[in-house]
């Protein structure tokens, strides 16, 4: 006489089958995410190569990524990260156009914080190397800020980073571009002040801790710090954007974006830099002509410029 399976045996078989299904689903999900990440890395390498070609032709860095299309990047899909659910240019708001200096080879050119459910950032550097880093926690006014808001939204209040660095947005608004641990094991955080409307003013007070890389990017200046305290003030008029960096402790390395000049500011020193504003695409004369000297054709205006 044949005996059927007992209830315990059936339960064990079901649990084993469920465990294998979960393991398989996890492997498939991880494989898909890794595929998206590799595609993003390839996109960034193509964009970095296009920027290098642009620089060779124009002796300057493109103001925005859209300037690379279609001459340097004919395929518009190169500008879209597979991990990005929107249909927009995935990298424009994460692009930092920097002056070209060999000593800044480890500075970020592009970042994409979307990978592995916003726990990883793919970053391209001025050396044109690309790597993957772990996103770190950023606290905004006592609440954790999701990396999905990096490069997308601006805030006022107090931003606190994993190394203890604090950025107080005392006036106006600023956003977080990235905060991740790079392949050298160091935290790399960037906040930005977008180009605002005429009459707006933004003031950011930074107290930096540890040996991490920390930068504040404005339309006029990039301020990089190491164990210091300083204030960045941005004022906007109809014709120009003015940035002032004032150092109260330590040292701040600044890059004047329009002329590509590097300055090292010490305690008690300050610098003020003005940039002509790039008007909306309304056909108005003036500074658009200046911009077109370094851009093959005028691309559409991005959501924010920094």
C-alpha atoms as a PDB file:
ATOM      1  CA  UNK A   1       0.000   0.000   0.000  1.00  0.00           C
ATOM      2  CA  UNK A   2       1.425   3.378  -1.074  1.00  0.00           C
ATOM      3  CA  UNK A   3       1.634   6.111   1.527  1.00  0.00           C
ATOM      4  CA  UNK A   4       1.078   9.779   0.489  1.00  0.00           C
ATOM      5  CA  UNK A   5       3.147  12.747   1.566  1.00  0.00           C
ATOM      6  CA  UNK A   6       2.651  13.938   5.101  1.00  0.00           C
ATOM      7  CA  UNK A   7       1.704  17.550   5.790  1.00  0.00           C
ATOM      8  CA  UNK A   8       5.177  18.277   7.164  1.00  0.00           C
ATOM      9  CA  UNK A   9       6.845  16.909   4.016  1.00  0.00           C
ATOM     10  CA  UNK A  10       4.593  19.034   1.791  1.00  0.00           C
ATOM     11  CA  UNK A  11       5.373  22.138   3.832  1.00  0.00           C
ATOM     12  CA  UNK A  12       9.132  21.467   3.610  1.00  0.00           C
ATOM     13  CA  UNK A  13       8.975  21.022  -0.168  1.00  0.00           C
ATOM     14  CA  UNK A  14       6.961  24.242  -0.562  1.00  0.00           C
ATOM     15  CA  UNK A  15       9.405  26.194   1.617  1.00  0.00           C
ATOM     16  CA  UNK A  16      12.394  24.914  -0.355  1.00  0.00           C
ATOM     17  CA  UNK A  17      10.692  25.799  -3.653  1.00  0.00           C
ATOM     18  CA  UNK A  18       9.820  29.281  -2.327  1.00  0.00           C
ATOM     19  CA  UNK A  19      13.425  29.826  -1.195  1.00  0.00           C
ATOM     20  CA  UNK A  20      14.731  28.914  -4.637  1.00  0.00           C
ATOM     21  CA  UNK A  21      12.187  31.228  -6.289  1.00  0.00           C
ATOM     22  CA  UNK A  22      13.202  34.136  -4.045  1.00  0.00           C
ATOM     23  CA  UNK A  23      16.871  33.482  -4.718  1.00  0.00           C
ATOM     24  CA  UNK A  24      16.263  33.325  -8.463  1.00  0.00           C
ATOM     25  CA  UNK A  25      14.155  36.505  -8.428  1.00  0.00           C
ATOM     26  CA  UNK A  26      16.889  38.307  -6.487  1.00  0.00           C
ATOM     27  CA  UNK A  27      19.549  37.200  -8.957  1.00  0.00           C
ATOM     28  CA  UNK A  28      17.413  38.333 -11.903  1.00  0.00           C
ATOM     29  CA  UNK A  29      16.720  41.707 -10.262  1.00  0.00           C
ATOM     30  CA  UNK A  30      20.406  42.230  -9.445  1.00  0.00           C
ATOM     31  CA  UNK A  31      21.387  41.241 -12.975  1.00  0.00           C
ATOM     32  CA  UNK A  32      18.941  43.747 -14.468  1.00  0.00           C
ATOM     33  CA  UNK A  33      20.167  46.521 -12.193  1.00  0.00           C
ATOM     34  CA  UNK A  34      23.782  45.729 -13.009  1.00  0.00           C
ATOM     35  CA  UNK A  35      22.911  45.848 -16.712  1.00  0.00           C
ATOM     36  CA  UNK A  36      21.398  49.333 -16.236  1.00  0.00           C
ATOM     37  CA  UNK A  37      24.470  50.451 -14.312  1.00  0.00           C
ATOM     38  CA  UNK A  38      26.855  49.206 -17.002  1.00  0.00           C
ATOM     39  CA  UNK A  39      24.782  51.022 -19.654  1.00  0.00           C
ATOM     40  CA  UNK A  40      24.996  54.227 -17.590  1.00  0.00           C
ATOM     41  CA  UNK A  41      28.778  53.813 -17.279  1.00  0.00           C
ATOM     42  CA  UNK A  42      29.043  53.405 -21.058  1.00  0.00           C
ATOM     43  CA  UNK A  43      26.887  56.521 -21.568  1.00  0.00           C
ATOM     44  CA  UNK A  44      29.140  58.533 -19.277  1.00  0.00           C
ATOM     45  CA  UNK A  45      32.265  57.327 -21.056  1.00  0.00           C
ATOM     46  CA  UNK A  46      30.790  58.417 -24.399  1.00  0.00           C
ATOM     47  CA  UNK A  47      29.800  61.807 -22.955  1.00  0.00           C
ATOM     48  CA  UNK A  48      33.255  62.265 -21.416  1.00  0.00           C
ATOM     49  CA  UNK A  49      34.878  61.427 -24.754  1.00  0.00           C
ATOM     50  CA  UNK A  50      32.568  63.899 -26.510  1.00  0.00           C
ATOM     51  CA  UNK A  51      33.500  66.608 -23.973  1.00  0.00           C
ATOM     52  CA  UNK A  52      37.176  65.905 -24.623  1.00  0.00           C
ATOM     53  CA  UNK A  53      36.599  66.272 -28.384  1.00  0.00           C
ATOM     54  CA  UNK A  54      34.619  69.479 -27.814  1.00  0.00           C
ATOM     55  CA  UNK A  55      37.449  70.876 -25.697  1.00  0.00           C
ATOM     56  CA  UNK A  56      39.977  70.045 -28.402  1.00  0.00           C
ATOM     57  CA  UNK A  57      37.892  71.890 -31.016  1.00  0.00           C
ATOM     58  CA  UNK A  58      36.732  74.887 -28.989  1.00  0.00           C
ATOM     59  CA  UNK A  59      39.452  75.225 -26.292  1.00  0.00           C
ATOM     60  CA  UNK A  60      36.670  75.356 -23.716  1.00  0.00           C
ATOM     61  CA  UNK A  61      34.275  73.135 -21.784  1.00  0.00           C
ATOM     62  CA  UNK A  62      30.650  72.927 -23.037  1.00  0.00           C
ATOM     63  CA  UNK A  63      28.330  75.111 -20.975  1.00  0.00           C
ATOM     64  CA  UNK A  64      25.640  72.399 -20.908  1.00  0.00           C
ATOM     65  CA  UNK A  65      25.543  68.824 -22.227  1.00  0.00           C
ATOM     66  CA  UNK A  66      22.948  69.640 -24.888  1.00  0.00           C
ATOM     67  CA  UNK A  67      25.720  71.553 -26.698  1.00  0.00           C
ATOM     68  CA  UNK A  68      27.286  68.186 -27.583  1.00  0.00           C
ATOM     69  CA  UNK A  69      24.304  67.126 -29.713  1.00  0.00           C
ATOM     70  CA  UNK A  70      24.249  66.291 -32.566  1.00  0.00           C
ATOM     71  CA  UNK A  71      27.851  67.087 -33.585  1.00  0.00           C
ATOM     72  CA  UNK A  72      29.658  65.179 -30.841  1.00  0.00           C
ATOM     73  CA  UNK A  73      26.882  62.830 -29.699  1.00  0.00           C
ATOM     74  CA  UNK A  74      24.540  61.961 -32.596  1.00  0.00           C
ATOM     75  CA  UNK A  75      22.447  59.420 -30.653  1.00  0.00           C
ATOM     76  CA  UNK A  76      20.112  61.152 -28.129  1.00  0.00           C
ATOM     77  CA  UNK A  77      19.748  57.872 -26.177  1.00  0.00           C
ATOM     78  CA  UNK A  78      23.283  58.432 -24.884  1.00  0.00           C
ATOM     79  CA  UNK A  79      21.851  61.159 -22.639  1.00  0.00           C
ATOM     80  CA  UNK A  80      19.374  58.785 -20.973  1.00  0.00           C
ATOM     81  CA  UNK A  81      20.236  56.503 -18.059  1.00  0.00           C
ATOM     82  CA  UNK A  82      18.275  53.200 -18.136  1.00  0.00           C
ATOM     83  CA  UNK A  83      17.663  53.594 -14.376  1.00  0.00           C
ATOM     84  CA  UNK A  84      15.890  56.920 -14.997  1.00  0.00           C
ATOM     85  CA  UNK A  85      12.121  56.448 -15.296  1.00  0.00           C
ATOM     86  CA  UNK A  86      11.609  59.838 -16.946  1.00  0.00           C
ATOM     87  CA  UNK A  87      12.159  60.477 -20.636  1.00  0.00           C
ATOM     88  CA  UNK A  88      14.323  63.568 -20.065  1.00  0.00           C
ATOM     89  CA  UNK A  89      18.081  64.073 -20.362  1.00  0.00           C
ATOM     90  CA  UNK A  90      19.228  62.076 -17.315  1.00  0.00           C
ATOM     91  CA  UNK A  91      22.577  63.809 -16.894  1.00  0.00           C
ATOM     92  CA  UNK A  92      22.016  67.520 -17.594  1.00  0.00           C
ATOM     93  CA  UNK A  93      21.180  68.430 -13.991  1.00  0.00           C
ATOM     94  CA  UNK A  94      24.187  66.422 -12.770  1.00  0.00           C
ATOM     95  CA  UNK A  95      26.755  67.941 -15.135  1.00  0.00           C
ATOM     96  CA  UNK A  96      29.445  70.260 -13.755  1.00  0.00           C
ATOM     97  CA  UNK A  97      31.318  72.196 -16.422  1.00  0.00           C
ATOM     98  CA  UNK A  98      34.763  72.816 -14.951  1.00  0.00           C
ATOM     99  CA  UNK A  99      37.968  74.552 -16.006  1.00  0.00           C
ATOM    100  CA  UNK A 100      40.558  72.058 -17.238  1.00  0.00           C
ATOM    101  CA  UNK A 101      43.455  71.594 -14.818  1.00  0.00           C
ATOM    102  CA  UNK A 102      45.520  68.461 -14.271  1.00  0.00           C
ATOM    103  CA  UNK A 103      45.442  68.904 -10.485  1.00  0.00           C
ATOM    104  CA  UNK A 104      41.640  68.658 -10.584  1.00  0.00           C
ATOM    105  CA  UNK A 105      41.587  65.247 -12.269  1.00  0.00           C
ATOM    106  CA  UNK A 106      39.641  63.714  -9.334  1.00  0.00           C
ATOM    107  CA  UNK A 107      36.859  66.293  -9.494  1.00  0.00           C
ATOM    108  CA  UNK A 108      33.404  65.213 -10.641  1.00  0.00           C
ATOM    109  CA  UNK A 109      32.249  65.953 -14.159  1.00  0.00           C
ATOM    110  CA  UNK A 110      29.022  63.899 -14.098  1.00  0.00           C
ATOM    111  CA  UNK A 111      27.054  61.992 -11.458  1.00  0.00           C
ATOM    112  CA  UNK A 112      24.043  59.659 -11.525  1.00  0.00           C
ATOM    113  CA  UNK A 113      22.694  58.611  -8.074  1.00  0.00           C
ATOM    114  CA  UNK A 114      19.816  56.403  -9.323  1.00  0.00           C
ATOM    115  CA  UNK A 115      21.399  52.943  -9.255  1.00  0.00           C
ATOM    116  CA  UNK A 116      20.420  49.961  -7.108  1.00  0.00           C
ATOM    117  CA  UNK A 117      17.354  51.803  -5.835  1.00  0.00           C
ATOM    118  CA  UNK A 118      19.269  55.035  -5.196  1.00  0.00           C
ATOM    119  CA  UNK A 119      21.963  53.384  -3.075  1.00  0.00           C
ATOM    120  CA  UNK A 120      24.773  53.761  -5.650  1.00  0.00           C
ATOM    121  CA  UNK A 121      26.152  56.667  -7.686  1.00  0.00           C
ATOM    122  CA  UNK A 122      27.909  56.338 -11.026  1.00  0.00           C
ATOM    123  CA  UNK A 123      30.430  59.186 -11.265  1.00  0.00           C
ATOM    124  CA  UNK A 124      32.638  60.456 -14.087  1.00  0.00           C
ATOM    125  CA  UNK A 125      35.674  62.579 -13.254  1.00  0.00           C
ATOM    126  CA  UNK A 126      37.643  65.263 -15.011  1.00  0.00           C
ATOM    127  CA  UNK A 127      40.259  62.579 -15.742  1.00  0.00           C
ATOM    128  CA  UNK A 128      37.446  60.867 -17.748  1.00  0.00           C
ATOM    129  CA  UNK A 129      37.564  57.863 -15.386  1.00  0.00           C
ATOM    130  CA  UNK A 130      34.185  56.433 -14.304  1.00  0.00           C
ATOM    131  CA  UNK A 131      33.430  54.498 -11.104  1.00  0.00           C
ATOM    132  CA  UNK A 132      30.595  53.455  -8.769  1.00  0.00           C
ATOM    133  CA  UNK A 133      30.210  54.716  -5.179  1.00  0.00           C
ATOM    134  CA  UNK A 134      27.841  54.120  -2.256  1.00  0.00           C
ATOM    135  CA  UNK A 135      25.373  56.925  -1.545  1.00  0.00           C
ATOM    136  CA  UNK A 136      25.576  58.326   1.987  1.00  0.00           C
ATOM    137  CA  UNK A 137      22.921  59.815   4.203  1.00  0.00           C
ATOM    138  CA  UNK A 138      22.105  63.540   4.007  1.00  0.00           C
ATOM    139  CA  UNK A 139      19.874  65.115   6.667  1.00  0.00           C
ATOM    140  CA  UNK A 140      17.728  68.144   5.784  1.00  0.00           C
ATOM    141  CA  UNK A 141      16.226  69.996   8.763  1.00  0.00           C
ATOM    142  CA  UNK A 142      16.295  66.804  10.851  1.00  0.00           C
ATOM    143  CA  UNK A 143      14.800  64.507   8.171  1.00  0.00           C
ATOM    144  CA  UNK A 144      16.714  62.173   5.865  1.00  0.00           C
ATOM    145  CA  UNK A 145      16.838  63.484   2.292  1.00  0.00           C
ATOM    146  CA  UNK A 146      16.214  60.840  -0.370  1.00  0.00           C
ATOM    147  CA  UNK A 147      18.907  60.655  -3.086  1.00  0.00           C
ATOM    148  CA  UNK A 148      16.002  60.710  -5.572  1.00  0.00           C
ATOM    149  CA  UNK A 149      15.832  64.443  -4.835  1.00  0.00           C
ATOM    150  CA  UNK A 150      19.527  65.002  -5.609  1.00  0.00           C
ATOM    151  CA  UNK A 151      19.920  67.332  -8.575  1.00  0.00           C
ATOM    152  CA  UNK A 152      16.149  67.818  -8.794  1.00  0.00           C
ATOM    153  CA  UNK A 153      14.983  70.011  -5.915  1.00  0.00           C
ATOM    154  CA  UNK A 154      16.365  72.952  -3.922  1.00  0.00           C
ATOM    155  CA  UNK A 155      15.836  73.686  -0.230  1.00  0.00           C
ATOM    156  CA  UNK A 156      16.391  76.130   2.595  1.00  0.00           C
ATOM    157  CA  UNK A 157      17.471  75.241   6.109  1.00  0.00           C
ATOM    158  CA  UNK A 158      20.304  73.035   7.398  1.00  0.00           C
ATOM    159  CA  UNK A 159      21.960  70.195   5.477  1.00  0.00           C
ATOM    160  CA  UNK A 160      24.078  67.718   7.455  1.00  0.00           C
ATOM    161  CA  UNK A 161      26.378  65.185   5.788  1.00  0.00           C
ATOM    162  CA  UNK A 162      27.796  61.819   6.890  1.00  0.00           C
ATOM    163  CA  UNK A 163      31.196  63.286   7.858  1.00  0.00           C
ATOM    164  CA  UNK A 164      29.655  65.960  10.103  1.00  0.00           C
ATOM    165  CA  UNK A 165      29.865  68.764   7.546  1.00  0.00           C
ATOM    166  CA  UNK A 166      27.019  71.261   7.890  1.00  0.00           C
ATOM    167  CA  UNK A 167      25.673  73.654   5.261  1.00  0.00           C
ATOM    168  CA  UNK A 168      23.224  76.315   6.473  1.00  0.00           C
ATOM    169  CA  UNK A 169      21.146  77.850   3.690  1.00  0.00           C
ATOM    170  CA  UNK A 170      20.420  81.093   5.536  1.00  0.00           C
ATOM    171  CA  UNK A 171      18.775  82.821   2.578  1.00  0.00           C
ATOM    172  CA  UNK A 172      17.422  81.565  -0.745  1.00  0.00           C
ATOM    173  CA  UNK A 173      17.678  77.917  -1.797  1.00  0.00           C
ATOM    174  CA  UNK A 174      20.352  75.326  -2.549  1.00  0.00           C
ATOM    175  CA  UNK A 175      20.296  71.671  -3.580  1.00  0.00           C
ATOM    176  CA  UNK A 176      22.379  68.522  -3.183  1.00  0.00           C
ATOM    177  CA  UNK A 177      24.058  67.199  -6.305  1.00  0.00           C
ATOM    178  CA  UNK A 178      25.741  64.152  -4.755  1.00  0.00           C
ATOM    179  CA  UNK A 179      27.032  62.595  -1.539  1.00  0.00           C
ATOM    180  CA  UNK A 180      28.767  59.253  -1.913  1.00  0.00           C
ATOM    181  CA  UNK A 181      31.920  57.338  -0.990  1.00  0.00           C
ATOM    182  CA  UNK A 182      34.279  57.151  -3.973  1.00  0.00           C
ATOM    183  CA  UNK A 183      36.612  54.294  -4.901  1.00  0.00           C
ATOM    184  CA  UNK A 184      39.325  55.806  -2.699  1.00  0.00           C
ATOM    185  CA  UNK A 185      37.078  55.441   0.354  1.00  0.00           C
ATOM    186  CA  UNK A 186      36.438  59.172   0.798  1.00  0.00           C
ATOM    187  CA  UNK A 187      33.119  60.948   1.032  1.00  0.00           C
ATOM    188  CA  UNK A 188      32.489  63.301  -1.901  1.00  0.00           C
ATOM    189  CA  UNK A 189      29.600  65.740  -1.442  1.00  0.00           C
ATOM    190  CA  UNK A 190      28.450  68.586  -3.690  1.00  0.00           C
ATOM    191  CA  UNK A 191      25.773  71.200  -3.119  1.00  0.00           C
ATOM    192  CA  UNK A 192      24.720  73.735  -5.737  1.00  0.00           C
ATOM    193  CA  UNK A 193      23.090  77.135  -5.983  1.00  0.00           C
ATOM    194  CA  UNK A 194      20.992  77.297  -9.178  1.00  0.00           C
ATOM    195  CA  UNK A 195      20.742  80.385 -11.321  1.00  0.00           C
ATOM    196  CA  UNK A 196      17.766  82.244  -9.871  1.00  0.00           C
ATOM    197  CA  UNK A 197      15.523  85.092 -10.928  1.00  0.00           C
ATOM    198  CA  UNK A 198      16.519  88.735 -10.936  1.00  0.00           C
ATOM    199  CA  UNK A 199      16.578  90.168  -7.418  1.00  0.00           C
ATOM    200  CA  UNK A 200      17.086  86.806  -5.690  1.00  0.00           C
ATOM    201  CA  UNK A 201      19.888  86.286  -3.194  1.00  0.00           C
ATOM    202  CA  UNK A 202      21.250  83.061  -1.717  1.00  0.00           C
ATOM    203  CA  UNK A 203      23.589  82.703   1.262  1.00  0.00           C
ATOM    204  CA  UNK A 204      25.129  79.367   2.268  1.00  0.00           C
ATOM    205  CA  UNK A 205      27.320  79.023   5.380  1.00  0.00           C
ATOM    206  CA  UNK A 206      29.496  75.886   5.343  1.00  0.00           C
ATOM    207  CA  UNK A 207      31.367  74.271   8.237  1.00  0.00           C
ATOM    208  CA  UNK A 208      33.401  71.389   6.840  1.00  0.00           C
ATOM    209  CA  UNK A 209      34.634  68.432   8.905  1.00  0.00           C
ATOM    210  CA  UNK A 210      37.114  65.610   8.258  1.00  0.00           C
ATOM    211  CA  UNK A 211      39.119  64.929   5.102  1.00  0.00           C
ATOM    212  CA  UNK A 212      36.222  64.451   2.680  1.00  0.00           C
ATOM    213  CA  UNK A 213      35.800  66.314  -0.589  1.00  0.00           C
ATOM    214  CA  UNK A 214      33.102  68.979  -0.347  1.00  0.00           C
ATOM    215  CA  UNK A 215      32.175  71.542  -2.987  1.00  0.00           C
ATOM    216  CA  UNK A 216      29.706  74.385  -3.433  1.00  0.00           C
ATOM    217  CA  UNK A 217      28.853  75.115  -7.058  1.00  0.00           C
ATOM    218  CA  UNK A 218      27.326  78.408  -8.196  1.00  0.00           C
ATOM    219  CA  UNK A 219      26.895  79.823 -11.709  1.00  0.00           C
ATOM    220  CA  UNK A 220      30.141  81.797 -11.207  1.00  0.00           C
ATOM    221  CA  UNK A 221      32.363  79.853  -8.812  1.00  0.00           C
ATOM    222  CA  UNK A 222      33.197  76.320  -7.657  1.00  0.00           C
ATOM    223  CA  UNK A 223      34.422  76.355  -4.044  1.00  0.00           C
ATOM    224  CA  UNK A 224      36.157  73.190  -2.801  1.00  0.00           C
ATOM    225  CA  UNK A 225      37.102  72.849   0.843  1.00  0.00           C
ATOM    226  CA  UNK A 226      39.119  70.813   3.331  1.00  0.00           C
ATOM    227  CA  UNK A 227      38.458  71.410   7.046  1.00  0.00           C
ATOM    228  CA  UNK A 228      37.219  74.984   6.882  1.00  0.00           C
ATOM    229  CA  UNK A 229      34.380  77.420   7.443  1.00  0.00           C
ATOM    230  CA  UNK A 230      33.174  79.841   4.796  1.00  0.00           C
ATOM    231  CA  UNK A 231      30.140  81.669   3.407  1.00  0.00           C
ATOM    232  CA  UNK A 232      28.966  81.686  -0.221  1.00  0.00           C
ATOM    233  CA  UNK A 233      26.633  84.487  -1.305  1.00  0.00           C
ATOM    234  CA  UNK A 234      24.943  84.564  -4.729  1.00  0.00           C
ATOM    235  CA  UNK A 235      23.073  87.652  -6.010  1.00  0.00           C
ATOM    236  CA  UNK A 236      21.146  87.774  -9.293  1.00  0.00           C
ATOM    237  CA  UNK A 237      20.187  90.759 -11.461  1.00  0.00           C
ATOM    238  CA  UNK A 238      18.673  90.953 -14.942  1.00  0.00           C
ATOM    239  CA  UNK A 239      22.123  90.994 -16.533  1.00  0.00           C
ATOM    240  CA  UNK A 240      24.490  89.105 -14.256  1.00  0.00           C
ATOM    241  CA  UNK A 241      25.028  86.633 -11.418  1.00  0.00           C
ATOM    242  CA  UNK A 242      27.533  87.584  -8.702  1.00  0.00           C
ATOM    243  CA  UNK A 243      29.103  85.083  -6.307  1.00  0.00           C
ATOM    244  CA  UNK A 244      31.167  86.015  -3.253  1.00  0.00           C
ATOM    245  CA  UNK A 245      33.175  83.465  -1.250  1.00  0.00           C
ATOM    246  CA  UNK A 246      34.418  84.628   2.180  1.00  0.00           C
ATOM    247  CA  UNK A 247      36.646  82.362   4.316  1.00  0.00           C
ATOM    248  CA  UNK A 248      36.523  82.575   8.131  1.00  0.00           C
ATOM    249  CA  UNK A 249      38.551  79.418   8.920  1.00  0.00           C
ATOM    250  CA  UNK A 250      40.945  77.153   7.016  1.00  0.00           C
ATOM    251  CA  UNK A 251      41.396  77.300   3.238  1.00  0.00           C
ATOM    252  CA  UNK A 252      39.027  77.220   0.251  1.00  0.00           C
ATOM    253  CA  UNK A 253      40.116  76.317  -3.271  1.00  0.00           C
ATOM    254  CA  UNK A 254      37.990  78.198  -5.795  1.00  0.00           C
ATOM    255  CA  UNK A 255      37.622  77.932  -9.557  1.00  0.00           C
ATOM    256  CA  UNK A 256      36.332  80.989 -11.421  1.00  0.00           C
ATOM    257  CA  UNK A 257      34.213  79.263 -14.039  1.00  0.00           C
ATOM    258  CA  UNK A 258      34.043  81.943 -16.731  1.00  0.00           C
ATOM    259  CA  UNK A 259      37.806  82.450 -17.035  1.00  0.00           C
ATOM    260  CA  UNK A 260      39.013  79.106 -15.690  1.00  0.00           C
ATOM    261  CA  UNK A 261      41.217  80.605 -12.968  1.00  0.00           C
ATOM    262  CA  UNK A 262      42.082  78.744  -9.745  1.00  0.00           C
ATOM    263  CA  UNK A 263      42.473  80.607  -6.454  1.00  0.00           C
ATOM    264  CA  UNK A 264      43.383  79.399  -2.946  1.00  0.00           C
ATOM    265  CA  UNK A 265      41.668  81.578  -0.342  1.00  0.00           C
ATOM    266  CA  UNK A 266      42.924  81.682   3.254  1.00  0.00           C
ATOM    267  CA  UNK A 267      41.304  82.821   6.491  1.00  0.00           C
ATOM    268  CA  UNK A 268      40.029  86.392   6.177  1.00  0.00           C
ATOM    269  CA  UNK A 269      40.212  86.416   2.358  1.00  0.00           C
ATOM    270  CA  UNK A 270      37.334  86.634  -0.099  1.00  0.00           C
ATOM    271  CA  UNK A 271      36.696  86.661  -3.835  1.00  0.00           C
ATOM    272  CA  UNK A 272      33.829  88.098  -5.864  1.00  0.00           C
ATOM    273  CA  UNK A 273      33.093  86.888  -9.384  1.00  0.00           C
ATOM    274  CA  UNK A 274      30.457  88.066 -11.875  1.00  0.00           C
ATOM    275  CA  UNK A 275      28.961  86.155 -14.787  1.00  0.00           C
ATOM    276  CA  UNK A 276      26.779  87.496 -17.582  1.00  0.00           C
ATOM    277  CA  UNK A 277      23.433  85.723 -17.432  1.00  0.00           C
ATOM    278  CA  UNK A 278      22.303  83.525 -20.310  1.00  0.00           C
ATOM    279  CA  UNK A 279      18.770  84.697 -21.135  1.00  0.00           C
ATOM    280  CA  UNK A 280      15.791  82.489 -21.891  1.00  0.00           C
ATOM    281  CA  UNK A 281      15.403  81.375 -25.486  1.00  0.00           C
ATOM    282  CA  UNK A 282      13.291  84.368 -26.489  1.00  0.00           C
ATOM    283  CA  UNK A 283      15.499  85.771 -29.262  1.00  0.00           C
ATOM    284  CA  UNK A 284      16.764  88.634 -27.116  1.00  0.00           C
ATOM    285  CA  UNK A 285      20.226  89.996 -27.997  1.00  0.00           C
ATOM    286  CA  UNK A 286      23.193  90.430 -25.677  1.00  0.00           C
ATOM    287  CA  UNK A 287      24.817  87.689 -23.659  1.00  0.00           C
ATOM    288  CA  UNK A 288      23.423  84.895 -25.855  1.00  0.00           C
ATOM    289  CA  UNK A 289      25.880  86.074 -28.517  1.00  0.00           C
ATOM    290  CA  UNK A 290      28.761  85.684 -26.050  1.00  0.00           C
ATOM    291  CA  UNK A 291      27.661  82.155 -25.178  1.00  0.00           C
ATOM    292  CA  UNK A 292      27.385  81.154 -28.843  1.00  0.00           C
ATOM    293  CA  UNK A 293      31.082  81.880 -29.285  1.00  0.00           C
ATOM    294  CA  UNK A 294      31.826  78.691 -27.360  1.00  0.00           C
ATOM    295  CA  UNK A 295      28.745  76.619 -28.251  1.00  0.00           C
ATOM    296  CA  UNK A 296      28.200  75.405 -31.842  1.00  0.00           C
ATOM    297  CA  UNK A 297      24.475  76.078 -31.629  1.00  0.00           C
ATOM    298  CA  UNK A 298      22.335  77.376 -28.785  1.00  0.00           C
ATOM    299  CA  UNK A 299      20.758  74.401 -26.996  1.00  0.00           C
ATOM    300  CA  UNK A 300      17.498  74.524 -24.987  1.00  0.00           C
ATOM    301  CA  UNK A 301      17.767  76.014 -21.514  1.00  0.00           C
ATOM    302  CA  UNK A 302      17.983  73.367 -18.730  1.00  0.00           C
ATOM    303  CA  UNK A 303      15.835  73.456 -15.599  1.00  0.00           C
ATOM    304  CA  UNK A 304      18.644  74.986 -13.622  1.00  0.00           C
ATOM    305  CA  UNK A 305      22.178  76.066 -14.461  1.00  0.00           C
ATOM    306  CA  UNK A 306      25.006  75.799 -11.955  1.00  0.00           C
END
